[in-house]
All heavy atoms as atom14 arrays in JSON, in Angstrom:
{
  "sequence": "KGIVTDSVVVLVVREGNPKNIQSWDDLVKPGVSIVT",
  "atom14_mask": [
    [1, 1, 1, 1, 1, 1, 1, 1, 1, 0, 0, 0, 0, 0],
    [1, 1, 1, 1, 0, 0, 0, 0, 0, 0, 0, 0, 0, 0],
    [1, 1, 1, 1, 1, 1, 1, 1, 0, 0, 0, 0, 0, 0],
    [1, 1, 1, 1, 1, 1, 1, 0, 0, 0, 0, 0, 0, 0],
    [1, 1, 1, 1, 1, 1, 1, 0, 0, 0, 0, 0, 0, 0],
    [1, 1, 1, 1, 1, 1, 1, 1, 0, 0, 0, 0, 0, 0],
    [1, 1, 1, 1, 1, 1, 0, 0, 0, 0, 0, 0, 0, 0],
    [1, 1, 1, 1, 1, 1, 1, 0, 0, 0, 0, 0, 0, 0],
    [1, 1, 1, 1, 1, 1, 1, 0, 0, 0, 0, 0, 0, 0],
    [1, 1, 1, 1, 1, 1, 1, 0, 0, 0, 0, 0, 0, 0],
    [1, 1, 1, 1, 1, 1, 1, 1, 0, 0, 0, 0, 0, 0],
    [1, 1, 1, 1, 1, 1, 1, 0, 0, 0, 0, 0, 0, 0],
    [1, 1, 1, 1, 1, 1, 1, 0, 0, 0, 0, 0, 0, 0],
    [1, 1, 1, 1, 1, 1, 1, 1, 1, 1, 1, 0, 0, 0],
    [1, 1, 1, 1, 1, 1, 1, 1, 1, 0, 0, 0, 0, 0],
    [1, 1, 1, 1, 0, 0, 0, 0, 0, 0, 0, 0, 0, 0],
    [1, 1, 1, 1, 1, 1, 1, 1, 0, 0, 0, 0, 0, 0],
    [1, 1, 1, 1, 1, 1, 1, 0, 0, 0, 0, 0, 0, 0],
    [1, 1, 1, 1, 1, 1, 1, 1, 1, 0, 0, 0, 0, 0],
    [1, 1, 1, 1, 1, 1, 1, 1, 0, 0, 0, 0, 0, 0],
    [1, 1, 1, 1, 1, 1, 1, 1, 0, 0, 0, 0, 0, 0],
    [1, 1, 1, 1, 1, 1, 1, 1, 1, 0, 0, 0, 0, 0],
    [1, 1, 1, 1, 1, 1, 0, 0, 0, 0, 0, 0, 0, 0],
    [1, 1, 1, 1, 1, 1, 1, 1, 1, 1, 1, 1, 1, 1],
    [1, 1, 1, 1, 1, 1, 1, 1, 0, 0, 0, 0, 0, 0],
    [1, 1, 1, 1, 1, 1, 1, 1, 0, 0, 0, 0, 0, 0],
    [1, 1, 1, 1, 1, 1, 1, 1, 0, 0, 0, 0, 0, 0],
    [1, 1, 1, 1, 1, 1, 1, 0, 0, 0, 0, 0, 0, 0],
    [1, 1, 1, 1, 1, 1, 1, 1, 1, 0, 0, 0, 0, 0],
    [1, 1, 1, 1, 1, 1, 1, 0, 0, 0, 0, 0, 0, 0],
    [1, 1, 1, 1, 0, 0, 0, 0, 0, 0, 0, 0, 0, 0],
    [1, 1, 1, 1, 1, 1, 1, 0, 0, 0, 0, 0, 0, 0],
    [1, 1, 1, 1, 1, 1, 0, 0, 0, 0, 0, 0, 0, 0],
    [1, 1, 1, 1, 1, 1, 1, 1, 0, 0, 0, 0, 0, 0],
    [1, 1, 1, 1, 1, 1, 1, 0, 0, 0, 0, 0, 0, 0],
    [1, 1, 1, 1, 1, 1, 1, 0, 0, 0, 0, 0, 0, 0]
  ],
  "atom14_positions": [
    [[0.8, -1.24, -0.03], [-0.04, 0.04, 0.03], [0.86, 1.33, 0.0], [0.54, 2.25, 0.67], [-0.93, -0.01, 1.14], [-1.83, -1.17, 1.3], [-2.76, -1.42, 0.08], [-3.65, -2.56, 0.22], [-4.49, -2.78, -1.09], [0.0, 0.0, 0.0], [0.0, 0.0, 0.0], [0.0, 0.0, 0.0], [0.0, 0.0, 0.0], [0.0, 0.0, 0.0]],
    [[1.96, 1.22, -0.73], [2.79, 2.41, -0.84], [3.75, 2.64, 0.36], [4.55, 3.63, 0.32], [0.0, 0.0, 0.0], [0.0, 0.0, 0.0], [0.0, 0.0, 0.0], [0.0, 0.0, 0.0], [0.0, 0.0, 0.0], [0.0, 0.0, 0.0], [0.0, 0.0, 0.0], [0.0, 0.0, 0.0], [0.0, 0.0, 0.0], [0.0, 0.0, 0.0]],
    [[3.76, 1.73, 1.33], [4.63, 1.88, 2.48], [6.01, 1.35, 2.22], [6.02, 0.15, 1.73], [4.0, 1.26, 3.75], [2.63, 1.9, 4.06], [4.99, 1.38, 4.97], [2.64, 3.36, 4.21], [0.0, 0.0, 0.0], [0.0, 0.0, 0.0], [0.0, 0.0, 0.0], [0.0, 0.0, 0.0], [0.0, 0.0, 0.0], [0.0, 0.0, 0.0]],
    [[7.02, 1.98, 2.5], [8.44, 1.54, 2.22], [9.24, 1.29, 3.53], [10.25, 0.61, 3.5], [9.2, 2.39, 1.23], [8.52, 2.4, -0.06], [9.32, 3.82, 1.81], [0.0, 0.0, 0.0], [0.0, 0.0, 0.0], [0.0, 0.0, 0.0], [0.0, 0.0, 0.0], [0.0, 0.0, 0.0], [0.0, 0.0, 0.0], [0.0, 0.0, 0.0]],
    [[8.85, 1.93, 4.64], [9.56, 1.76, 5.9], [8.62, 1.82, 7.03], [7.67, 2.56, 7.03], [10.6, 2.94, 6.12], [10.07, 4.19, 5.94], [11.84, 2.68, 5.19], [0.0, 0.0, 0.0], [0.0, 0.0, 0.0], [0.0, 0.0, 0.0], [0.0, 0.0, 0.0], [0.0, 0.0, 0.0], [0.0, 0.0, 0.0], [0.0, 0.0, 0.0]],
    [[8.91, 1.04, 8.06], [8.01, 0.86, 9.22], [8.9, 1.21, 10.52], [10.19, 0.98, 10.58], [7.54, -0.52, 9.46], [6.32, -0.74, 8.72], [5.83, 0.16, 7.99], [5.83, -1.91, 8.69], [0.0, 0.0, 0.0], [0.0, 0.0, 0.0], [0.0, 0.0, 0.0], [0.0, 0.0, 0.0], [0.0, 0.0, 0.0], [0.0, 0.0, 0.0]],
    [[8.29, 1.74, 11.54], [8.92, 1.99, 12.85], [7.81, 2.03, 13.87], [6.63, 1.66, 13.59], [9.74, 3.19, 12.85], [10.65, 3.21, 13.96], [0.0, 0.0, 0.0], [0.0, 0.0, 0.0], [0.0, 0.0, 0.0], [0.0, 0.0, 0.0], [0.0, 0.0, 0.0], [0.0, 0.0, 0.0], [0.0, 0.0, 0.0], [0.0, 0.0, 0.0]],
    [[8.17, 2.4, 15.06], [7.1, 2.64, 16.14], [7.6, 3.84, 16.93], [8.76, 4.25, 16.88], [7.01, 1.41, 17.08], [6.54, 0.14, 16.38], [8.25, 1.2, 17.87], [0.0, 0.0, 0.0], [0.0, 0.0, 0.0], [0.0, 0.0, 0.0], [0.0, 0.0, 0.0], [0.0, 0.0, 0.0], [0.0, 0.0, 0.0], [0.0, 0.0, 0.0]],
    [[6.62, 4.48, 17.59], [6.91, 5.6, 18.41], [7.53, 5.17, 19.8], [7.01, 4.32, 20.42], [5.68, 6.45, 18.69], [5.91, 7.67, 19.54], [4.97, 6.9, 17.44], [0.0, 0.0, 0.0], [0.0, 0.0, 0.0], [0.0, 0.0, 0.0], [0.0, 0.0, 0.0], [0.0, 0.0, 0.0], [0.0, 0.0, 0.0], [0.0, 0.0, 0.0]],
    [[8.67, 5.86, 20.11], [9.35, 5.44, 21.38], [9.67, 6.71, 22.19], [9.48, 7.86, 21.73], [10.68, 4.64, 21.12], [10.38, 3.41, 20.36], [11.65, 5.6, 20.35], [0.0, 0.0, 0.0], [0.0, 0.0, 0.0], [0.0, 0.0, 0.0], [0.0, 0.0, 0.0], [0.0, 0.0, 0.0], [0.0, 0.0, 0.0], [0.0, 0.0, 0.0]],
    [[10.05, 6.52, 23.39], [10.32, 7.61, 24.36], [11.91, 7.54, 24.63], [12.41, 6.54, 25.09], [9.68, 7.45, 25.71], [8.19, 7.1, 25.62], [7.61, 6.91, 27.04], [7.42, 8.17, 24.77], [0.0, 0.0, 0.0], [0.0, 0.0, 0.0], [0.0, 0.0, 0.0], [0.0, 0.0, 0.0], [0.0, 0.0, 0.0], [0.0, 0.0, 0.0]],
    [[12.58, 8.53, 24.1], [14.06, 8.69, 24.22], [14.38, 9.41, 25.51], [13.86, 10.54, 25.68], [14.66, 9.3, 23.01], [16.2, 9.26, 23.16], [14.34, 8.5, 21.76], [0.0, 0.0, 0.0], [0.0, 0.0, 0.0], [0.0, 0.0, 0.0], [0.0, 0.0, 0.0], [0.0, 0.0, 0.0], [0.0, 0.0, 0.0], [0.0, 0.0, 0.0]],
    [[15.28, 8.84, 26.4], [15.57, 9.51, 27.73], [17.06, 9.63, 27.84], [17.83, 9.0, 27.05], [14.97, 8.78, 28.8], [13.33, 8.72, 28.71], [15.48, 7.27, 28.85], [0.0, 0.0, 0.0], [0.0, 0.0, 0.0], [0.0, 0.0, 0.0], [0.0, 0.0, 0.0], [0.0, 0.0, 0.0], [0.0, 0.0, 0.0], [0.0, 0.0, 0.0]],
    [[17.41, 10.45, 28.78], [18.8, 10.56, 29.05], [19.46, 9.34, 29.66], [18.76, 8.4, 30.2], [18.97, 11.76, 30.14], [18.46, 13.11, 29.69], [19.23, 13.65, 28.6], [18.59, 14.92, 28.04], [18.95, 15.47, 26.9], [19.96, 14.96, 26.21], [18.44, 16.62, 26.57], [0.0, 0.0, 0.0], [0.0, 0.0, 0.0], [0.0, 0.0, 0.0]],
    [[20.81, 9.21, 29.53], [21.51, 8.07, 30.04], [21.11, 7.87, 31.52], [21.27, 8.78, 32.31], [22.99, 8.22, 29.89], [23.83, 6.96, 30.14], [25.26, 7.2, 29.87], [25.76, 8.3, 29.68], [25.98, 6.19, 29.88], [0.0, 0.0, 0.0], [0.0, 0.0, 0.0], [0.0, 0.0, 0.0], [0.0, 0.0, 0.0], [0.0, 0.0, 0.0]],
    [[20.75, 6.6, 31.89], [20.39, 6.31, 33.24], [19.04, 6.66, 33.55], [18.47, 6.28, 34.63], [0.0, 0.0, 0.0], [0.0, 0.0, 0.0], [0.0, 0.0, 0.0], [0.0, 0.0, 0.0], [0.0, 0.0, 0.0], [0.0, 0.0, 0.0], [0.0, 0.0, 0.0], [0.0, 0.0, 0.0], [0.0, 0.0, 0.0], [0.0, 0.0, 0.0]],
    [[18.31, 7.23, 32.58], [16.85, 7.56, 32.77], [16.61, 8.2, 34.1], [15.79, 7.71, 34.93], [15.98, 6.3, 32.64], [14.55, 6.57, 32.36], [14.13, 7.8, 32.19], [13.71, 5.51, 32.16], [0.0, 0.0, 0.0], [0.0, 0.0, 0.0], [0.0, 0.0, 0.0], [0.0, 0.0, 0.0], [0.0, 0.0, 0.0], [0.0, 0.0, 0.0]],
    [[17.15, 9.36, 34.36], [17.13, 10.02, 35.67], [15.71, 10.41, 36.13], [15.38, 10.49, 37.26], [17.92, 11.32, 35.49], [18.0, 11.49, 34.08], [18.0, 10.19, 33.43], [0.0, 0.0, 0.0], [0.0, 0.0, 0.0], [0.0, 0.0, 0.0], [0.0, 0.0, 0.0], [0.0, 0.0, 0.0], [0.0, 0.0, 0.0], [0.0, 0.0, 0.0]],
    [[14.79, 10.6, 35.11], [13.41, 10.97, 35.51], [12.53, 9.61, 35.59], [11.33, 9.74, 35.85], [12.76, 11.9, 34.53], [13.39, 13.31, 34.51], [13.04, 14.04, 35.85], [13.69, 15.49, 35.86], [12.94, 16.47, 35.06], [0.0, 0.0, 0.0], [0.0, 0.0, 0.0], [0.0, 0.0, 0.0], [0.0, 0.0, 0.0], [0.0, 0.0, 0.0]],
    [[13.17, 8.55, 35.31], [12.42, 7.19, 35.38], [11.24, 7.17, 34.59], [10.11, 6.79, 35.02], [12.09, 6.83, 36.9], [11.66, 5.37, 37.0], [12.18, 4.53, 36.3], [10.87, 5.09, 38.03], [0.0, 0.0, 0.0], [0.0, 0.0, 0.0], [0.0, 0.0, 0.0], [0.0, 0.0, 0.0], [0.0, 0.0, 0.0], [0.0, 0.0, 0.0]],
    [[11.41, 7.55, 33.34], [10.28, 7.65, 32.43], [10.14, 6.24, 31.83], [11.0, 5.81, 31.12], [10.51, 8.66, 31.34], [10.51, 10.12, 32.0], [9.53, 8.64, 30.23], [11.05, 11.18, 31.05], [0.0, 0.0, 0.0], [0.0, 0.0, 0.0], [0.0, 0.0, 0.0], [0.0, 0.0, 0.0], [0.0, 0.0, 0.0], [0.0, 0.0, 0.0]],
    [[9.0, 5.68, 32.01], [8.64, 4.21, 31.54], [7.46, 4.18, 30.74], [7.24, 3.24, 29.95], [8.51, 3.34, 32.75], [9.74, 3.27, 33.65], [10.99, 2.67, 32.96], [10.95, 1.92, 31.94], [12.13, 2.9, 33.53], [0.0, 0.0, 0.0], [0.0, 0.0, 0.0], [0.0, 0.0, 0.0], [0.0, 0.0, 0.0], [0.0, 0.0, 0.0]],
    [[6.61, 5.16, 30.77], [5.32, 5.16, 30.11], [4.77, 6.56, 29.68], [5.46, 7.55, 30.08], [4.2, 4.45, 31.05], [3.98, 5.41, 32.13], [0.0, 0.0, 0.0], [0.0, 0.0, 0.0], [0.0, 0.0, 0.0], [0.0, 0.0, 0.0], [0.0, 0.0, 0.0], [0.0, 0.0, 0.0], [0.0, 0.0, 0.0], [0.0, 0.0, 0.0]],
    [[3.7, 6.52, 29.03], [3.18, 7.78, 28.56], [2.7, 8.62, 29.77], [2.76, 9.86, 29.66], [1.95, 7.48, 27.63], [2.33, 7.0, 26.25], [2.3, 5.71, 25.92], [2.76, 7.65, 25.22], [2.72, 5.45, 24.64], [3.05, 6.69, 24.23], [3.17, 9.03, 24.99], [3.56, 7.07, 22.89], [3.59, 9.37, 23.7], [3.89, 8.5, 22.75]],
    [[2.23, 8.0, 30.72], [1.78, 8.73, 31.99], [2.82, 9.56, 32.57], [2.71, 10.61, 33.13], [1.2, 7.76, 33.02], [-0.15, 7.24, 32.63], [-0.81, 7.84, 31.77], [-0.59, 6.23, 33.27], [0.0, 0.0, 0.0], [0.0, 0.0, 0.0], [0.0, 0.0, 0.0], [0.0, 0.0, 0.0], [0.0, 0.0, 0.0], [0.0, 0.0, 0.0]],
    [[4.11, 9.0, 32.52], [5.21, 9.71, 33.11], [5.6, 11.05, 32.3], [6.18, 11.92, 32.94], [6.48, 8.82, 33.1], [6.32, 7.61, 33.97], [5.58, 7.68, 35.01], [6.92, 6.51, 33.64], [0.0, 0.0, 0.0], [0.0, 0.0, 0.0], [0.0, 0.0, 0.0], [0.0, 0.0, 0.0], [0.0, 0.0, 0.0], [0.0, 0.0, 0.0]],
    [[5.14, 11.14, 31.15], [5.46, 12.35, 30.36], [4.69, 13.53, 30.88], [5.18, 14.7, 30.64], [5.21, 12.18, 28.83], [5.8, 11.04, 28.14], [5.49, 11.07, 26.72], [7.35, 11.0, 28.39], [0.0, 0.0, 0.0], [0.0, 0.0, 0.0], [0.0, 0.0, 0.0], [0.0, 0.0, 0.0], [0.0, 0.0, 0.0], [0.0, 0.0, 0.0]],
    [[3.56, 13.38, 31.52], [2.75, 14.49, 31.86], [2.82, 14.82, 33.33], [2.05, 15.57, 33.95], [1.25, 14.19, 31.45], [1.16, 14.2, 29.9], [0.66, 12.91, 32.01], [0.0, 0.0, 0.0], [0.0, 0.0, 0.0], [0.0, 0.0, 0.0], [0.0, 0.0, 0.0], [0.0, 0.0, 0.0], [0.0, 0.0, 0.0], [0.0, 0.0, 0.0]],
    [[3.86, 14.24, 34.01], [4.03, 14.59, 35.38], [4.81, 16.02, 35.47], [5.42, 16.38, 34.59], [4.93, 13.49, 36.06], [4.24, 12.13, 36.19], [5.27, 11.16, 36.88], [4.54, 9.78, 37.02], [5.44, 8.8, 37.58], [0.0, 0.0, 0.0], [0.0, 0.0, 0.0], [0.0, 0.0, 0.0], [0.0, 0.0, 0.0], [0.0, 0.0, 0.0]],
    [[4.54, 16.67, 36.56], [5.21, 18.0, 36.79], [6.71, 17.77, 36.75], [7.28, 16.82, 37.25], [4.74, 18.4, 38.23], [3.49, 17.63, 38.42], [3.66, 16.3, 37.74], [0.0, 0.0, 0.0], [0.0, 0.0, 0.0], [0.0, 0.0, 0.0], [0.0, 0.0, 0.0], [0.0, 0.0, 0.0], [0.0, 0.0, 0.0], [0.0, 0.0, 0.0]],
    [[7.3, 18.77, 36.04], [8.84, 18.81, 36.11], [9.51, 18.02, 34.91], [10.68, 17.99, 34.78], [0.0, 0.0, 0.0], [0.0, 0.0, 0.0], [0.0, 0.0, 0.0], [0.0, 0.0, 0.0], [0.0, 0.0, 0.0], [0.0, 0.0, 0.0], [0.0, 0.0, 0.0], [0.0, 0.0, 0.0], [0.0, 0.0, 0.0], [0.0, 0.0, 0.0]],
    [[8.6, 17.34, 34.08], [9.15, 16.66, 32.87], [9.01, 17.52, 31.66], [8.0, 18.01, 31.3], [8.41, 15.34, 32.64], [8.86, 14.63, 31.39], [8.52, 14.39, 33.85], [0.0, 0.0, 0.0], [0.0, 0.0, 0.0], [0.0, 0.0, 0.0], [0.0, 0.0, 0.0], [0.0, 0.0, 0.0], [0.0, 0.0, 0.0], [0.0, 0.0, 0.0]],
    [[10.14, 17.73, 30.97], [10.1, 18.52, 29.77], [10.28, 17.71, 28.56], [11.16, 16.83, 28.48], [11.26, 19.59, 29.81], [12.44, 19.11, 29.93], [0.0, 0.0, 0.0], [0.0, 0.0, 0.0], [0.0, 0.0, 0.0], [0.0, 0.0, 0.0], [0.0, 0.0, 0.0], [0.0, 0.0, 0.0], [0.0, 0.0, 0.0], [0.0, 0.0, 0.0]],
    [[9.5, 17.94, 27.48], [9.39, 17.1, 26.29], [9.87, 17.8, 25.07], [9.59, 18.98, 24.88], [7.85, 16.75, 26.12], [7.28, 15.92, 27.26], [7.67, 15.91, 24.77], [5.73, 15.79, 27.23], [0.0, 0.0, 0.0], [0.0, 0.0, 0.0], [0.0, 0.0, 0.0], [0.0, 0.0, 0.0], [0.0, 0.0, 0.0], [0.0, 0.0, 0.0]],
    [[10.53, 17.09, 24.22], [10.84, 17.6, 22.88], [10.17, 16.71, 21.89], [10.21, 15.39, 21.87], [12.37, 17.57, 22.65], [12.7, 17.95, 21.25], [13.13, 18.28, 23.7], [0.0, 0.0, 0.0], [0.0, 0.0, 0.0], [0.0, 0.0, 0.0], [0.0, 0.0, 0.0], [0.0, 0.0, 0.0], [0.0, 0.0, 0.0], [0.0, 0.0, 0.0]],
    [[9.44, 17.23, 20.97], [8.8, 16.56, 19.84], [8.65, 17.56, 18.67], [8.61, 18.75, 18.87], [7.43, 16.03, 20.21], [6.92, 15.13, 19.14], [6.42, 17.11, 20.44], [0.0, 0.0, 0.0], [0.0, 0.0, 0.0], [0.0, 0.0, 0.0], [0.0, 0.0, 0.0], [0.0, 0.0, 0.0], [0.0, 0.0, 0.0], [0.0, 0.0, 0.0]]
  ]
}
């Protein structure tokens, strides 16, 4: 159907994951800053 590449949406975090981001819910907690 015209598709040539596949991937999935992921959450990229700093080394060691200092904010312990594991899920979508963690993104909307106070003090978490997002780049998109």
